[in-house]
Amino acid sequence: MATNLAIDDRLILEAQKIGNHRTKKSAVTEALKEYIQRRKQLEIIKIFGKIDYDKDYDYKAQRIRK
Protein backbone atom coordinates (compact mmCIF):
# COMPACT_ATOMS: atom_id res chain seq x y z
CA MET A 1 0.00 0.00 0.00
CA ALA A 2 1.63 3.22 -1.11
CA THR A 3 1.37 6.12 1.31
CA ASN A 4 2.58 9.65 0.94
CA LEU A 5 3.68 11.34 4.15
CA ALA A 6 5.12 14.77 4.77
CA ILE A 7 7.95 13.86 7.15
CA ASP A 8 10.76 16.24 8.03
CA ASP A 9 13.64 15.29 5.75
CA ARG A 10 16.19 16.13 8.44
CA LEU A 11 14.60 13.60 10.80
CA ILE A 12 14.56 10.91 8.14
CA LEU A 13 18.18 11.52 7.20
CA GLU A 14 19.26 11.46 10.84
CA ALA A 15 17.34 8.22 11.44
CA GLN A 16 18.96 6.68 8.36
CA LYS A 17 22.40 7.73 9.54
CA ILE A 18 21.99 6.60 13.15
CA GLY A 19 20.32 3.32 12.23
CA ASN A 20 22.54 2.59 9.24
CA HIS A 21 19.47 2.30 7.01
CA ARG A 22 19.97 2.44 3.26
CA THR A 23 16.46 3.65 2.48
CA LYS A 24 13.94 6.02 3.96
CA LYS A 25 11.41 3.20 4.01
CA SER A 26 13.62 0.98 6.17
CA ALA A 27 14.27 3.86 8.59
CA VAL A 28 10.55 4.62 8.93
CA THR A 29 9.65 0.94 9.27
CA GLU A 30 12.20 0.43 12.04
CA ALA A 31 11.05 3.60 13.81
CA LEU A 32 7.44 2.41 13.74
CA LYS A 33 8.42 -1.01 15.10
CA GLU A 34 10.33 0.61 17.97
CA TYR A 35 7.42 2.98 18.65
CA ILE A 36 4.94 0.11 18.83
CA GLN A 37 7.25 -1.96 21.05
CA ARG A 38 7.73 0.97 23.44
CA ARG A 39 3.99 1.63 23.69
CA LYS A 40 3.35 -2.04 24.47
CA GLN A 41 6.01 -1.92 27.18
CA LEU A 42 4.34 1.12 28.73
CA GLU A 43 1.03 -0.77 28.86
CA ILE A 44 2.71 -3.69 30.64
CA ILE A 45 4.37 -1.35 33.13
CA LYS A 46 0.96 0.04 34.06
CA ILE A 47 -0.14 -3.34 35.40
CA PHE A 48 2.95 -3.94 37.57
CA GLY A 49 1.86 -4.42 41.15
CA LYS A 50 -1.78 -4.96 40.20
CA ILE A 51 -1.67 -8.67 39.49
CA ASP A 52 -2.00 -11.03 42.44
CA TYR A 53 -0.01 -14.21 42.37
CA ASP A 54 0.16 -17.31 44.53
CA LYS A 55 3.30 -17.09 46.66
CA ASP A 56 3.28 -20.89 47.07
CA TYR A 57 3.23 -21.57 43.33
CA ASP A 58 6.14 -23.77 42.27
CA TYR A 59 6.91 -23.05 38.62
CA LYS A 60 9.59 -25.73 38.57
CA ALA A 61 7.00 -28.39 39.38
CA GLN A 62 5.31 -27.60 36.06
CA ARG A 63 8.49 -28.58 34.21
CA ILE A 64 8.48 -32.18 35.45
CA ARG A 65 7.26 -34.56 32.77
CA LYS A 66 5.23 -37.51 33.89
PDB file of N, CA and C in Angstrom:
ATOM      1  N   MET A   1       0.850  -1.168   0.000  1.00  0.00           N
ATOM      2  CA  MET A   1       0.000   0.000   0.000  1.00  0.00           C
ATOM      3  C   MET A   1       0.901   1.239   0.000  1.00  0.00           C
ATOM      4  N   ALA A   2       0.829   2.008  -1.020  1.00  0.00           N
ATOM      5  CA  ALA A   2       1.629   3.224  -1.113  1.00  0.00           C
ATOM      6  C   ALA A   2       0.992   4.326  -0.280  1.00  0.00           C
ATOM      7  N   THR A   3       1.837   5.032   0.465  1.00  0.00           N
ATOM      8  CA  THR A   3       1.368   6.122   1.305  1.00  0.00           C
ATOM      9  C   THR A   3       2.321   7.291   1.157  1.00  0.00           C
ATOM     10  N   ASN A   4       1.766   8.451   0.999  1.00  0.00           N
ATOM     11  CA  ASN A   4       2.585   9.654   0.938  1.00  0.00           C
ATOM     12  C   ASN A   4       2.489  10.379   2.271  1.00  0.00           C
ATOM     13  N   LEU A   5       3.633  10.650   2.871  1.00  0.00           N
ATOM     14  CA  LEU A   5       3.682  11.344   4.148  1.00  0.00           C
ATOM     15  C   LEU A   5       4.619  12.533   4.042  1.00  0.00           C
ATOM     16  N   ALA A   6       4.249  13.596   4.716  1.00  0.00           N
ATOM     17  CA  ALA A   6       5.117  14.771   4.771  1.00  0.00           C
ATOM     18  C   ALA A   6       5.919  14.676   6.063  1.00  0.00           C
ATOM     19  N   ILE A   7       7.090  14.056   5.983  1.00  0.00           N
ATOM     20  CA  ILE A   7       7.951  13.865   7.145  1.00  0.00           C
ATOM     21  C   ILE A   7       9.175  14.748   6.971  1.00  0.00           C
ATOM     22  N   ASP A   8       9.594  15.361   8.041  1.00  0.00           N
ATOM     23  CA  ASP A   8      10.756  16.244   8.034  1.00  0.00           C
ATOM     24  C   ASP A   8      11.970  15.477   7.491  1.00  0.00           C
ATOM     25  N   ASP A   9      12.507  15.954   6.392  1.00  0.00           N
ATOM     26  CA  ASP A   9      13.645  15.285   5.749  1.00  0.00           C
ATOM     27  C   ASP A   9      14.857  15.179   6.672  1.00  0.00           C
ATOM     28  N   ARG A  10      15.056  16.182   7.519  1.00  0.00           N
ATOM     29  CA  ARG A  10      16.195  16.133   8.439  1.00  0.00           C
ATOM     30  C   ARG A  10      16.055  14.962   9.413  1.00  0.00           C
ATOM     31  N   LEU A  11      14.829  14.721   9.877  1.00  0.00           N
ATOM     32  CA  LEU A  11      14.601  13.603  10.799  1.00  0.00           C
ATOM     33  C   LEU A  11      14.846  12.269  10.115  1.00  0.00           C
ATOM     34  N   ILE A  12      14.359  12.150   8.894  1.00  0.00           N
ATOM     35  CA  ILE A  12      14.559  10.908   8.145  1.00  0.00           C
ATOM     36  C   ILE A  12      16.044  10.662   7.901  1.00  0.00           C
ATOM     37  N   LEU A  13      16.755  11.670   7.466  1.00  0.00           N
ATOM     38  CA  LEU A  13      18.183  11.517   7.200  1.00  0.00           C
ATOM     39  C   LEU A  13      18.961  11.167   8.462  1.00  0.00           C
ATOM     40  N   GLU A  14      18.592  11.777   9.578  1.00  0.00           N
ATOM     41  CA  GLU A  14      19.262  11.457  10.842  1.00  0.00           C
ATOM     42  C   GLU A  14      18.960  10.023  11.263  1.00  0.00           C
ATOM     43  N   ALA A  15      17.706   9.596  11.107  1.00  0.00           N
ATOM     44  CA  ALA A  15      17.337   8.218  11.442  1.00  0.00           C
ATOM     45  C   ALA A  15      18.083   7.232  10.555  1.00  0.00           C
ATOM     46  N   GLN A  16      18.209   7.547   9.277  1.00  0.00           N
ATOM     47  CA  GLN A  16      18.956   6.676   8.364  1.00  0.00           C
ATOM     48  C   GLN A  16      20.419   6.577   8.789  1.00  0.00           C
ATOM     49  N   LYS A  17      20.989   7.699   9.157  1.00  0.00           N
ATOM     50  CA  LYS A  17      22.398   7.728   9.536  1.00  0.00           C
ATOM     51  C   LYS A  17      22.624   6.964  10.842  1.00  0.00           C
ATOM     52  N   ILE A  18      21.816   7.242  11.850  1.00  0.00           N
ATOM     53  CA  ILE A  18      21.987   6.599  13.151  1.00  0.00           C
ATOM     54  C   ILE A  18      21.717   5.103  13.077  1.00  0.00           C
ATOM     55  N   GLY A  19      20.695   4.728  12.317  1.00  0.00           N
ATOM     56  CA  GLY A  19      20.323   3.321  12.232  1.00  0.00           C
ATOM     57  C   GLY A  19      20.999   2.554  11.120  1.00  0.00           C
ATOM     58  N   ASN A  20      21.864   3.218  10.380  1.00  0.00           N
ATOM     59  CA  ASN A  20      22.540   2.590   9.239  1.00  0.00           C
ATOM     60  C   ASN A  20      21.544   1.993   8.239  1.00  0.00           C
ATOM     61  N   HIS A  21      20.485   2.741   7.967  1.00  0.00           N
ATOM     62  CA  HIS A  21      19.471   2.298   7.009  1.00  0.00           C
ATOM     63  C   HIS A  21      19.813   2.857   5.630  1.00  0.00           C
ATOM     64  N   ARG A  22      19.664   2.012   4.627  1.00  0.00           N
ATOM     65  CA  ARG A  22      19.966   2.444   3.261  1.00  0.00           C
ATOM     66  C   ARG A  22      18.837   3.256   2.655  1.00  0.00           C
ATOM     67  N   THR A  23      17.605   2.979   3.086  1.00  0.00           N
ATOM     68  CA  THR A  23      16.460   3.653   2.485  1.00  0.00           C
ATOM     69  C   THR A  23      15.623   4.370   3.538  1.00  0.00           C
ATOM     70  N   LYS A  24      14.860   5.322   3.064  1.00  0.00           N
ATOM     71  CA  LYS A  24      13.938   6.017   3.959  1.00  0.00           C
ATOM     72  C   LYS A  24      12.884   5.053   4.484  1.00  0.00           C
ATOM     73  N   LYS A  25      12.439   4.169   3.621  1.00  0.00           N
ATOM     74  CA  LYS A  25      11.414   3.196   4.015  1.00  0.00           C
ATOM     75  C   LYS A  25      11.890   2.330   5.175  1.00  0.00           C
ATOM     76  N   SER A  26      13.117   1.839   5.096  1.00  0.00           N
ATOM     77  CA  SER A  26      13.618   0.982   6.174  1.00  0.00           C
ATOM     78  C   SER A  26      13.765   1.765   7.479  1.00  0.00           C
ATOM     79  N   ALA A  27      14.151   3.034   7.393  1.00  0.00           N
ATOM     80  CA  ALA A  27      14.267   3.864   8.590  1.00  0.00           C
ATOM     81  C   ALA A  27      12.899   4.093   9.223  1.00  0.00           C
ATOM     82  N   VAL A  28      11.901   4.385   8.415  1.00  0.00           N
ATOM     83  CA  VAL A  28      10.549   4.621   8.930  1.00  0.00           C
ATOM     84  C   VAL A  28       9.964   3.331   9.485  1.00  0.00           C
ATOM     85  N   THR A  29      10.165   2.228   8.798  1.00  0.00           N
ATOM     86  CA  THR A  29       9.647   0.942   9.273  1.00  0.00           C
ATOM     87  C   THR A  29      10.242   0.585  10.625  1.00  0.00           C
ATOM     88  N   GLU A  30      11.541   0.736  10.765  1.00  0.00           N
ATOM     89  CA  GLU A  30      12.200   0.431  12.038  1.00  0.00           C
ATOM     90  C   GLU A  30      11.716   1.364  13.144  1.00  0.00           C
ATOM     91  N   ALA A  31      11.535   2.636  12.815  1.00  0.00           N
ATOM     92  CA  ALA A  31      11.053   3.600  13.806  1.00  0.00           C
ATOM     93  C   ALA A  31       9.646   3.231  14.278  1.00  0.00           C
ATOM     94  N   LEU A  32       8.800   2.810  13.360  1.00  0.00           N
ATOM     95  CA  LEU A  32       7.444   2.409  13.735  1.00  0.00           C
ATOM     96  C   LEU A  32       7.457   1.159  14.607  1.00  0.00           C
ATOM     97  N   LYS A  33       8.316   0.209  14.284  1.00  0.00           N
ATOM     98  CA  LYS A  33       8.423  -1.006  15.102  1.00  0.00           C
ATOM     99  C   LYS A  33       8.856  -0.662  16.527  1.00  0.00           C
ATOM    100  N   GLU A  34       9.852   0.209  16.645  1.00  0.00           N
ATOM    101  CA  GLU A  34      10.329   0.611  17.966  1.00  0.00           C
ATOM    102  C   GLU A  34       9.247   1.374  18.729  1.00  0.00           C
ATOM    103  N   TYR A  35       8.506   2.224  18.042  1.00  0.00           N
ATOM    104  CA  TYR A  35       7.418   2.985  18.654  1.00  0.00           C
ATOM    105  C   TYR A  35       6.352   2.042  19.208  1.00  0.00           C
ATOM    106  N   ILE A  36       5.958   1.072  18.413  1.00  0.00           N
ATOM    107  CA  ILE A  36       4.940   0.111  18.835  1.00  0.00           C
ATOM    108  C   ILE A  36       5.434  -0.702  20.028  1.00  0.00           C
ATOM    109  N   GLN A  37       6.673  -1.175  19.959  1.00  0.00           N
ATOM    110  CA  GLN A  37       7.249  -1.955  21.053  1.00  0.00           C
ATOM    111  C   GLN A  37       7.273  -1.142  22.342  1.00  0.00           C
ATOM    112  N   ARG A  38       7.665   0.094  22.250  1.00  0.00           N
ATOM    113  CA  ARG A  38       7.733   0.967  23.436  1.00  0.00           C
ATOM    114  C   ARG A  38       6.350   1.189  24.030  1.00  0.00           C
ATOM    115  N   ARG A  39       5.359   1.419  23.196  1.00  0.00           N
ATOM    116  CA  ARG A  39       3.994   1.631  23.690  1.00  0.00           C
ATOM    117  C   ARG A  39       3.449   0.387  24.375  1.00  0.00           C
ATOM    118  N   LYS A  40       3.774  -0.788  23.845  1.00  0.00           N
ATOM    119  CA  LYS A  40       3.352  -2.040  24.469  1.00  0.00           C
ATOM    120  C   LYS A  40       4.027  -2.208  25.828  1.00  0.00           C
ATOM    121  N   GLN A  41       5.294  -1.837  25.916  1.00  0.00           N
ATOM    122  CA  GLN A  41       6.007  -1.920  27.182  1.00  0.00           C
ATOM    123  C   GLN A  41       5.371  -1.002  28.225  1.00  0.00           C
ATOM    124  N   LEU A  42       4.971   0.183  27.808  1.00  0.00           N
ATOM    125  CA  LEU A  42       4.336   1.115  28.734  1.00  0.00           C
ATOM    126  C   LEU A  42       3.018   0.560  29.265  1.00  0.00           C
ATOM    127  N   GLU A  43       2.276  -0.150  28.427  1.00  0.00           N
ATOM    128  CA  GLU A  43       1.030  -0.769  28.865  1.00  0.00           C
ATOM    129  C   GLU A  43       1.300  -1.862  29.898  1.00  0.00           C
ATOM    130  N   ILE A  44       2.356  -2.631  29.687  1.00  0.00           N
ATOM    131  CA  ILE A  44       2.707  -3.685  30.637  1.00  0.00           C
ATOM    132  C   ILE A  44       3.141  -3.077  31.968  1.00  0.00           C
ATOM    133  N   ILE A  45       3.901  -2.004  31.909  1.00  0.00           N
ATOM    134  CA  ILE A  45       4.373  -1.351  33.126  1.00  0.00           C
ATOM    135  C   ILE A  45       3.194  -0.865  33.969  1.00  0.00           C
ATOM    136  N   LYS A  46       2.133  -0.447  33.328  1.00  0.00           N
ATOM    137  CA  LYS A  46       0.957   0.043  34.057  1.00  0.00           C
ATOM    138  C   LYS A  46       0.341  -1.024  34.958  1.00  0.00           C
ATOM    139  N   ILE A  47       0.484  -2.296  34.600  1.00  0.00           N
ATOM    140  CA  ILE A  47      -0.142  -3.342  35.405  1.00  0.00           C
ATOM    141  C   ILE A  47       0.794  -3.925  36.467  1.00  0.00           C
ATOM    142  N   PHE A  48       2.045  -3.468  36.524  1.00  0.00           N
ATOM    143  CA  PHE A  48       2.951  -3.938  37.572  1.00  0.00           C
ATOM    144  C   PHE A  48       2.353  -3.628  38.934  1.00  0.00           C
ATOM    145  N   GLY A  49       2.377  -4.604  39.798  1.00  0.00           N
ATOM    146  CA  GLY A  49       1.861  -4.421  41.150  1.00  0.00           C
ATOM    147  C   GLY A  49       0.361  -4.590  41.267  1.00  0.00           C
ATOM    148  N   LYS A  50      -0.325  -4.829  40.180  1.00  0.00           N
ATOM    149  CA  LYS A  50      -1.777  -4.956  40.200  1.00  0.00           C
ATOM    150  C   LYS A  50      -2.236  -6.397  40.033  1.00  0.00           C
ATOM    151  N   ILE A  51      -1.315  -7.275  39.696  1.00  0.00           N
ATOM    152  CA  ILE A  51      -1.673  -8.672  39.487  1.00  0.00           C
ATOM    153  C   ILE A  51      -1.285  -9.467  40.723  1.00  0.00           C
ATOM    154  N   ASP A  52      -2.266 -10.179  41.286  1.00  0.00           N
ATOM    155  CA  ASP A  52      -1.996 -11.030  42.437  1.00  0.00           C
ATOM    156  C   ASP A  52      -1.447 -12.361  41.953  1.00  0.00           C
ATOM    157  N   TYR A  53      -0.564 -12.909  42.708  1.00  0.00           N
ATOM    158  CA  TYR A  53      -0.014 -14.209  42.365  1.00  0.00           C
ATOM    159  C   TYR A  53       0.060 -15.065  43.627  1.00  0.00           C
ATOM    160  N   ASP A  54       0.094 -16.355  43.439  1.00  0.00           N
ATOM    161  CA  ASP A  54       0.160 -17.308  44.534  1.00  0.00           C
ATOM    162  C   ASP A  54       1.613 -17.460  44.963  1.00  0.00           C
ATOM    163  N   LYS A  55       1.926 -17.049  46.170  1.00  0.00           N
ATOM    164  CA  LYS A  55       3.302 -17.094  46.659  1.00  0.00           C
ATOM    165  C   LYS A  55       3.804 -18.528  46.807  1.00  0.00           C
ATOM    166  N   ASP A  56       2.901 -19.488  46.911  1.00  0.00           N
ATOM    167  CA  ASP A  56       3.281 -20.885  47.071  1.00  0.00           C
ATOM    168  C   ASP A  56       3.400 -21.619  45.740  1.00  0.00           C
ATOM    169  N   TYR A  57       3.163 -20.948  44.649  1.00  0.00           N
ATOM    170  CA  TYR A  57       3.226 -21.569  43.330  1.00  0.00           C
ATOM    171  C   TYR A  57       4.658 -21.996  43.023  1.00  0.00           C
ATOM    172  N   ASP A  58       4.825 -23.233  42.597  1.00  0.00           N
ATOM    173  CA  ASP A  58       6.144 -23.772  42.269  1.00  0.00           C
ATOM    174  C   ASP A  58       6.238 -23.955  40.749  1.00  0.00           C
ATOM    175  N   TYR A  59       6.833 -22.982  40.076  1.00  0.00           N
ATOM    176  CA  TYR A  59       6.914 -23.048  38.618  1.00  0.00           C
ATOM    177  C   TYR A  59       7.783 -24.203  38.146  1.00  0.00           C
ATOM    178  N   LYS A  60       8.722 -24.619  38.965  1.00  0.00           N
ATOM    179  CA  LYS A  60       9.587 -25.727  38.572  1.00  0.00           C
ATOM    180  C   LYS A  60       8.821 -27.039  38.544  1.00  0.00           C
ATOM    181  N   ALA A  61       7.805 -27.169  39.362  1.00  0.00           N
ATOM    182  CA  ALA A  61       7.003 -28.391  39.378  1.00  0.00           C
ATOM    183  C   ALA A  61       6.285 -28.588  38.049  1.00  0.00           C
ATOM    184  N   GLN A  62       5.987 -27.518  37.349  1.00  0.00           N
ATOM    185  CA  GLN A  62       5.313 -27.598  36.059  1.00  0.00           C
ATOM    186  C   GLN A  62       6.232 -28.168  34.981  1.00  0.00           C
ATOM    187  N   ARG A  63       7.523 -28.122  35.201  1.00  0.00           N
ATOM    188  CA  ARG A  63       8.486 -28.582  34.207  1.00  0.00           C
ATOM    189  C   ARG A  63       8.664 -30.100  34.218  1.00  0.00           C
ATOM    190  N   ILE A  64       8.277 -30.737  35.308  1.00  0.00           N
ATOM    191  CA  ILE A  64       8.479 -32.176  35.450  1.00  0.00           C
ATOM    192  C   ILE A  64       7.518 -32.925  34.528  1.00  0.00           C
ATOM    193  N   ARG A  65       8.086 -33.758  33.673  1.00  0.00           N
ATOM    194  CA  ARG A  65       7.262 -34.556  32.767  1.00  0.00           C
ATOM    195  C   ARG A  65       6.903 -35.860  33.454  1.00  0.00           C
ATOM    196  N   LYS A  66       5.688 -36.268  33.261  1.00  0.00           N
ATOM    197  CA  LYS A  66       5.229 -37.508  33.887  1.00  0.00           C
ATOM    198  C   LYS A  66       5.164 -38.630  32.901  1.00  0.00           C
TER     199      LYS A  66
END
